Every structure is written in C-alpha cells, then in structure tokens.
N, C-alpha and C. Protein backbone atom coordinates (compact mmCIF):
# COMPACT_ATOMS: atom_id res chain seq x y z
N MET A 1 13.56 -10.23 -6.56
CA MET A 1 13.30 -10.20 -5.13
C MET A 1 12.94 -11.59 -4.65
N SER A 2 13.46 -11.94 -3.51
CA SER A 2 13.09 -13.22 -2.94
C SER A 2 12.71 -13.02 -1.49
N GLY A 3 12.13 -14.03 -0.91
CA GLY A 3 11.79 -13.93 0.49
C GLY A 3 10.31 -13.92 0.76
N GLY A 4 9.50 -13.72 -0.24
CA GLY A 4 8.06 -13.77 -0.06
C GLY A 4 7.55 -12.89 1.05
N LYS A 5 7.81 -11.62 1.00
CA LYS A 5 7.35 -10.67 2.01
C LYS A 5 5.83 -10.56 2.04
N ARG A 6 5.30 -10.23 3.21
CA ARG A 6 3.85 -10.06 3.39
C ARG A 6 3.52 -8.59 3.20
N ILE A 7 2.75 -8.30 2.15
CA ILE A 7 2.46 -6.93 1.75
C ILE A 7 0.97 -6.66 1.85
N LEU A 8 0.62 -5.70 2.70
CA LEU A 8 -0.76 -5.26 2.81
C LEU A 8 -1.11 -4.41 1.60
N VAL A 9 -2.24 -4.73 0.98
CA VAL A 9 -2.74 -3.95 -0.14
C VAL A 9 -4.08 -3.33 0.28
N VAL A 10 -4.15 -2.01 0.20
CA VAL A 10 -5.37 -1.27 0.48
C VAL A 10 -5.73 -0.51 -0.80
N GLU A 11 -6.83 -0.91 -1.42
CA GLU A 11 -7.27 -0.33 -2.70
C GLU A 11 -8.76 -0.51 -2.82
N ASP A 12 -9.50 0.58 -2.98
CA ASP A 12 -10.96 0.48 -3.00
C ASP A 12 -11.52 0.03 -4.33
N GLU A 13 -10.75 0.13 -5.39
CA GLU A 13 -11.25 -0.29 -6.71
C GLU A 13 -10.82 -1.73 -6.96
N LEU A 14 -11.80 -2.61 -7.07
CA LEU A 14 -11.55 -4.04 -7.15
C LEU A 14 -10.60 -4.42 -8.28
N LEU A 15 -10.80 -3.87 -9.47
CA LEU A 15 -9.92 -4.23 -10.59
C LEU A 15 -8.48 -3.81 -10.35
N LEU A 16 -8.29 -2.63 -9.77
CA LEU A 16 -6.93 -2.19 -9.45
C LEU A 16 -6.32 -3.05 -8.36
N ALA A 17 -7.13 -3.44 -7.37
CA ALA A 17 -6.65 -4.31 -6.30
C ALA A 17 -6.20 -5.65 -6.87
N MET A 18 -7.00 -6.19 -7.79
CA MET A 18 -6.65 -7.48 -8.40
C MET A 18 -5.38 -7.37 -9.24
N MET A 19 -5.23 -6.27 -9.97
CA MET A 19 -4.03 -6.06 -10.78
C MET A 19 -2.80 -5.96 -9.87
N LEU A 20 -2.92 -5.20 -8.80
CA LEU A 20 -1.81 -5.04 -7.87
C LEU A 20 -1.47 -6.37 -7.20
N GLU A 21 -2.49 -7.12 -6.86
CA GLU A 21 -2.28 -8.44 -6.27
C GLU A 21 -1.50 -9.35 -7.22
N ASP A 22 -1.89 -9.37 -8.49
CA ASP A 22 -1.18 -10.18 -9.49
C ASP A 22 0.27 -9.75 -9.63
N MET A 23 0.51 -8.45 -9.65
CA MET A 23 1.87 -7.93 -9.79
C MET A 23 2.73 -8.34 -8.60
N ILE A 24 2.17 -8.24 -7.40
CA ILE A 24 2.92 -8.59 -6.19
C ILE A 24 3.24 -10.09 -6.18
N PHE A 25 2.27 -10.92 -6.57
CA PHE A 25 2.52 -12.37 -6.67
C PHE A 25 3.62 -12.64 -7.69
N GLU A 26 3.58 -11.95 -8.82
CA GLU A 26 4.59 -12.14 -9.86
C GLU A 26 5.98 -11.77 -9.36
N LEU A 27 6.05 -10.84 -8.43
CA LEU A 27 7.34 -10.45 -7.84
C LEU A 27 7.76 -11.38 -6.70
N GLY A 28 6.94 -12.40 -6.42
CA GLY A 28 7.31 -13.41 -5.44
C GLY A 28 6.90 -13.14 -4.01
N HIS A 29 5.93 -12.27 -3.81
CA HIS A 29 5.51 -11.92 -2.46
C HIS A 29 4.07 -12.34 -2.19
N GLN A 30 3.68 -12.26 -0.94
CA GLN A 30 2.32 -12.59 -0.50
C GLN A 30 1.52 -11.31 -0.31
N VAL A 31 0.25 -11.36 -0.67
CA VAL A 31 -0.64 -10.22 -0.46
C VAL A 31 -1.48 -10.47 0.79
N VAL A 32 -1.51 -9.48 1.65
CA VAL A 32 -2.42 -9.47 2.79
C VAL A 32 -3.57 -8.57 2.36
N GLY A 33 -4.76 -9.13 2.34
CA GLY A 33 -5.92 -8.41 1.81
C GLY A 33 -6.23 -8.96 0.43
N PRO A 34 -6.59 -8.14 -0.49
CA PRO A 34 -6.61 -6.69 -0.39
C PRO A 34 -7.79 -6.19 0.43
N ALA A 35 -7.55 -5.07 1.12
CA ALA A 35 -8.62 -4.39 1.86
C ALA A 35 -9.26 -3.40 0.90
N LEU A 36 -10.56 -3.51 0.73
CA LEU A 36 -11.29 -2.65 -0.20
C LEU A 36 -11.96 -1.46 0.49
N ASN A 37 -11.89 -1.43 1.83
CA ASN A 37 -12.52 -0.33 2.56
C ASN A 37 -11.70 -0.03 3.81
N LEU A 38 -12.00 1.10 4.43
CA LEU A 38 -11.22 1.56 5.58
C LEU A 38 -11.31 0.59 6.76
N SER A 39 -12.49 0.07 7.03
CA SER A 39 -12.67 -0.83 8.17
C SER A 39 -11.77 -2.06 8.05
N ASP A 40 -11.79 -2.70 6.89
CA ASP A 40 -10.94 -3.88 6.68
C ASP A 40 -9.47 -3.51 6.73
N ALA A 41 -9.13 -2.36 6.15
CA ALA A 41 -7.74 -1.91 6.13
C ALA A 41 -7.22 -1.68 7.54
N LEU A 42 -8.03 -1.05 8.38
CA LEU A 42 -7.62 -0.79 9.76
C LEU A 42 -7.39 -2.10 10.51
N SER A 43 -8.28 -3.04 10.33
CA SER A 43 -8.16 -4.33 10.99
C SER A 43 -6.88 -5.05 10.57
N LEU A 44 -6.63 -5.11 9.28
CA LEU A 44 -5.43 -5.79 8.78
C LEU A 44 -4.16 -5.06 9.22
N ALA A 45 -4.17 -3.74 9.17
CA ALA A 45 -3.00 -2.96 9.56
C ALA A 45 -2.68 -3.16 11.04
N ARG A 46 -3.70 -3.32 11.86
CA ARG A 46 -3.51 -3.52 13.30
C ARG A 46 -3.08 -4.94 13.65
N ASP A 47 -3.68 -5.93 12.97
CA ASP A 47 -3.60 -7.30 13.47
C ASP A 47 -2.68 -8.25 12.70
N GLU A 48 -2.35 -7.94 11.48
CA GLU A 48 -1.57 -8.87 10.66
C GLU A 48 -0.06 -8.65 10.81
N THR A 49 0.68 -9.71 10.57
CA THR A 49 2.13 -9.61 10.46
C THR A 49 2.43 -9.09 9.06
N LEU A 50 3.08 -7.95 8.97
CA LEU A 50 3.32 -7.29 7.69
C LEU A 50 4.78 -6.88 7.56
N ASP A 51 5.27 -6.97 6.32
CA ASP A 51 6.60 -6.46 6.03
C ASP A 51 6.54 -5.05 5.46
N CYS A 52 5.46 -4.76 4.74
CA CYS A 52 5.25 -3.42 4.18
C CYS A 52 3.83 -3.33 3.65
N ALA A 53 3.48 -2.18 3.10
CA ALA A 53 2.12 -1.99 2.59
C ALA A 53 2.11 -1.03 1.41
N ILE A 54 1.13 -1.23 0.55
CA ILE A 54 0.81 -0.30 -0.53
C ILE A 54 -0.62 0.15 -0.25
N ILE A 55 -0.80 1.43 0.05
CA ILE A 55 -2.14 1.89 0.40
C ILE A 55 -2.59 3.02 -0.52
N ASP A 56 -3.80 2.86 -1.00
CA ASP A 56 -4.45 3.89 -1.79
C ASP A 56 -4.83 5.01 -0.84
N LEU A 57 -4.48 6.23 -1.18
CA LEU A 57 -4.76 7.35 -0.30
C LEU A 57 -6.25 7.65 -0.20
N ASN A 58 -6.93 7.64 -1.35
CA ASN A 58 -8.35 8.01 -1.39
C ASN A 58 -9.17 6.74 -1.58
N LEU A 59 -9.95 6.40 -0.56
CA LEU A 59 -10.76 5.18 -0.61
C LEU A 59 -12.18 5.45 -1.07
N GLY A 60 -12.40 6.58 -1.70
CA GLY A 60 -13.71 6.91 -2.26
C GLY A 60 -14.64 7.56 -1.26
N ARG A 61 -15.58 8.33 -1.79
CA ARG A 61 -16.61 9.01 -0.97
C ARG A 61 -16.00 9.86 0.14
N GLY A 62 -14.85 10.47 -0.14
CA GLY A 62 -14.21 11.35 0.83
C GLY A 62 -13.47 10.64 1.95
N VAL A 63 -13.35 9.32 1.87
CA VAL A 63 -12.66 8.55 2.91
C VAL A 63 -11.19 8.44 2.54
N LEU A 64 -10.32 8.88 3.45
CA LEU A 64 -8.88 8.79 3.25
C LEU A 64 -8.30 7.68 4.11
N SER A 65 -7.20 7.13 3.67
CA SER A 65 -6.57 6.03 4.40
C SER A 65 -5.56 6.52 5.43
N THR A 66 -5.59 7.77 5.80
CA THR A 66 -4.62 8.30 6.77
C THR A 66 -4.63 7.55 8.11
N PRO A 67 -5.77 7.06 8.62
CA PRO A 67 -5.70 6.27 9.87
C PRO A 67 -4.90 4.97 9.70
N VAL A 68 -4.94 4.41 8.51
CA VAL A 68 -4.15 3.21 8.23
C VAL A 68 -2.66 3.58 8.25
N ALA A 69 -2.32 4.69 7.62
CA ALA A 69 -0.93 5.16 7.61
C ALA A 69 -0.43 5.39 9.03
N GLU A 70 -1.28 5.93 9.89
CA GLU A 70 -0.88 6.17 11.28
C GLU A 70 -0.58 4.87 12.01
N ILE A 71 -1.41 3.85 11.80
CA ILE A 71 -1.17 2.55 12.43
C ILE A 71 0.13 1.95 11.92
N LEU A 72 0.34 1.99 10.62
CA LEU A 72 1.57 1.43 10.05
C LEU A 72 2.80 2.17 10.59
N ARG A 73 2.70 3.48 10.67
CA ARG A 73 3.83 4.28 11.19
C ARG A 73 4.11 3.89 12.64
N GLU A 74 3.05 3.75 13.46
CA GLU A 74 3.22 3.35 14.87
C GLU A 74 3.86 1.98 14.99
N ARG A 75 3.55 1.09 14.05
CA ARG A 75 4.11 -0.27 14.07
C ARG A 75 5.45 -0.37 13.36
N ASN A 76 5.96 0.75 12.85
CA ASN A 76 7.23 0.79 12.10
C ASN A 76 7.20 -0.11 10.87
N ILE A 77 6.06 -0.12 10.20
CA ILE A 77 5.91 -0.88 8.96
C ILE A 77 6.00 0.11 7.80
N PRO A 78 6.99 -0.04 6.93
CA PRO A 78 7.12 0.91 5.82
C PRO A 78 5.96 0.75 4.82
N PHE A 79 5.57 1.86 4.22
CA PHE A 79 4.46 1.80 3.27
C PHE A 79 4.64 2.83 2.17
N ALA A 80 4.02 2.50 1.05
CA ALA A 80 3.96 3.43 -0.09
C ALA A 80 2.52 3.87 -0.25
N LEU A 81 2.35 5.12 -0.62
CA LEU A 81 1.02 5.63 -0.95
C LEU A 81 0.81 5.49 -2.44
N SER A 82 -0.37 5.07 -2.80
CA SER A 82 -0.77 4.96 -4.19
C SER A 82 -1.86 6.01 -4.42
N THR A 83 -1.64 6.89 -5.39
CA THR A 83 -2.61 7.96 -5.62
C THR A 83 -2.62 8.38 -7.08
N GLY A 84 -3.77 8.79 -7.52
CA GLY A 84 -3.91 9.33 -8.86
C GLY A 84 -3.81 10.84 -8.88
N TYR A 85 -3.57 11.44 -7.71
CA TYR A 85 -3.57 12.90 -7.60
C TYR A 85 -2.19 13.52 -7.63
N GLY A 86 -1.14 12.74 -7.65
CA GLY A 86 0.21 13.28 -7.72
C GLY A 86 0.75 13.69 -6.36
N ALA A 87 1.96 14.19 -6.38
CA ALA A 87 2.64 14.58 -5.14
C ALA A 87 1.97 15.80 -4.53
N ASP A 88 1.92 15.82 -3.22
CA ASP A 88 1.32 16.91 -2.48
C ASP A 88 2.12 17.08 -1.19
N PRO A 89 2.64 18.28 -0.92
CA PRO A 89 3.44 18.47 0.29
C PRO A 89 2.71 18.07 1.57
N GLN A 90 1.37 18.12 1.57
CA GLN A 90 0.61 17.73 2.75
C GLN A 90 0.76 16.24 3.05
N LEU A 91 1.12 15.46 2.03
CA LEU A 91 1.29 14.02 2.22
C LEU A 91 2.56 13.68 2.99
N ASP A 92 3.52 14.59 3.00
CA ASP A 92 4.81 14.31 3.63
C ASP A 92 4.68 13.92 5.09
N SER A 93 3.67 14.40 5.78
CA SER A 93 3.52 14.12 7.20
C SER A 93 3.02 12.70 7.47
N LEU A 94 2.61 11.98 6.43
CA LEU A 94 2.07 10.63 6.65
C LEU A 94 3.14 9.60 6.94
N GLY A 95 4.38 9.88 6.58
CA GLY A 95 5.47 8.97 6.89
C GLY A 95 5.70 7.87 5.88
N HIS A 96 5.16 8.03 4.67
CA HIS A 96 5.35 7.01 3.65
C HIS A 96 6.79 7.04 3.13
N THR A 97 7.22 5.90 2.62
CA THR A 97 8.55 5.77 2.07
C THR A 97 8.58 6.10 0.58
N HIS A 98 7.47 5.88 -0.08
CA HIS A 98 7.43 6.00 -1.54
C HIS A 98 6.03 6.46 -1.97
N LEU A 99 5.96 7.13 -3.11
CA LEU A 99 4.68 7.55 -3.67
C LEU A 99 4.55 6.93 -5.05
N LEU A 100 3.50 6.14 -5.24
CA LEU A 100 3.22 5.51 -6.53
C LEU A 100 2.08 6.27 -7.19
N GLY A 101 2.37 6.90 -8.32
CA GLY A 101 1.32 7.59 -9.06
C GLY A 101 0.56 6.62 -9.93
N LYS A 102 -0.75 6.66 -9.84
CA LYS A 102 -1.59 5.79 -10.67
C LYS A 102 -1.76 6.41 -12.04
N PRO A 103 -1.79 5.63 -13.08
CA PRO A 103 -1.49 4.19 -13.08
C PRO A 103 0.02 3.97 -13.02
N PHE A 104 0.43 2.84 -12.48
CA PHE A 104 1.85 2.54 -12.41
C PHE A 104 2.12 1.18 -13.05
N ALA A 105 3.35 1.02 -13.50
CA ALA A 105 3.78 -0.20 -14.18
C ALA A 105 4.54 -1.10 -13.21
N MET A 106 4.80 -2.31 -13.66
CA MET A 106 5.50 -3.30 -12.84
C MET A 106 6.85 -2.77 -12.35
N ASN A 107 7.61 -2.11 -13.21
CA ASN A 107 8.93 -1.63 -12.80
C ASN A 107 8.81 -0.56 -11.71
N GLU A 108 7.73 0.23 -11.73
CA GLU A 108 7.53 1.23 -10.68
C GLU A 108 7.16 0.55 -9.36
N LEU A 109 6.34 -0.48 -9.43
CA LEU A 109 6.01 -1.24 -8.22
C LEU A 109 7.26 -1.90 -7.66
N ARG A 110 8.06 -2.50 -8.53
CA ARG A 110 9.30 -3.15 -8.10
C ARG A 110 10.20 -2.13 -7.40
N GLY A 111 10.32 -0.92 -7.97
CA GLY A 111 11.12 0.13 -7.36
C GLY A 111 10.60 0.53 -5.99
N ALA A 112 9.28 0.63 -5.88
CA ALA A 112 8.67 0.99 -4.59
C ALA A 112 8.94 -0.10 -3.56
N LEU A 113 8.77 -1.37 -3.96
CA LEU A 113 9.02 -2.46 -3.02
C LEU A 113 10.49 -2.53 -2.62
N ASP A 114 11.39 -2.24 -3.58
CA ASP A 114 12.82 -2.18 -3.24
C ASP A 114 13.07 -1.12 -2.20
N ALA A 115 12.41 0.04 -2.35
CA ALA A 115 12.56 1.13 -1.39
C ALA A 115 12.00 0.74 -0.01
N LEU A 116 10.92 -0.05 -0.02
CA LEU A 116 10.26 -0.42 1.22
C LEU A 116 10.97 -1.54 1.97
N ILE A 117 11.38 -2.56 1.25
CA ILE A 117 11.89 -3.77 1.91
C ILE A 117 13.27 -4.21 1.43
N GLY A 118 13.82 -3.48 0.47
CA GLY A 118 15.17 -3.76 0.02
C GLY A 118 15.35 -4.98 -0.82
C-alpha cells in the first residue's frame, strides 16, 4: 500500500493501541490518535482529516464507540470495528466496512485497510 493514508485509531488499551499504531506505520500510513477514550475519539472523528478508521467497539466500563461510528458514517469515512466479542447482527447497523476480531495479525489488518481504502 502506498499513499500514506490518515487512519484514526480508537483503542482503550494502551498496549493494543501501540501495537496497532506500529502495524499501521509499517504498512506506510499515518495514525491519527490513538484515541484512548470516547471524548478524544469523538473530537478526532469530528475535527481531523481522515481517510478511514479502526475503532474498538468496547472502550471499557460499559462505554461503546457507537457515537464515533455515527460521526464517521455522517462524514462518509469508512471504518472497521475491532472487537474481541466476534460478529453480532446488532453491529450491522453501525455502517462499518470490516470487522477485525481481536487479536488480529498484520495480514488481517492489511485486508481490512484494503477493504477500507483500496
């Protein structure tokens, strides 16, 4: 992949956020964030120039990233959901392009980014 796309990362677990950031850099893209909480994620989703996003569905303590998904959908920014809970038909309404099951490998991230930004 080339082009250095701007990818929003929303992940509440710092180590996972850092791992995802490293993987995205290795694929030649820029990371916006990472946002570790809903407040930061909402701000970045609203205000930053983004090509796509990888967002953790569950931000801990019962906080879901669905408001972030809504902003991205309104802005026509494609996004993948990252979750350790697997596929759920209720997630279909969020408008995500791809679902990344945690833990995921580099080739799965590459596939998700291909689906998001080609």
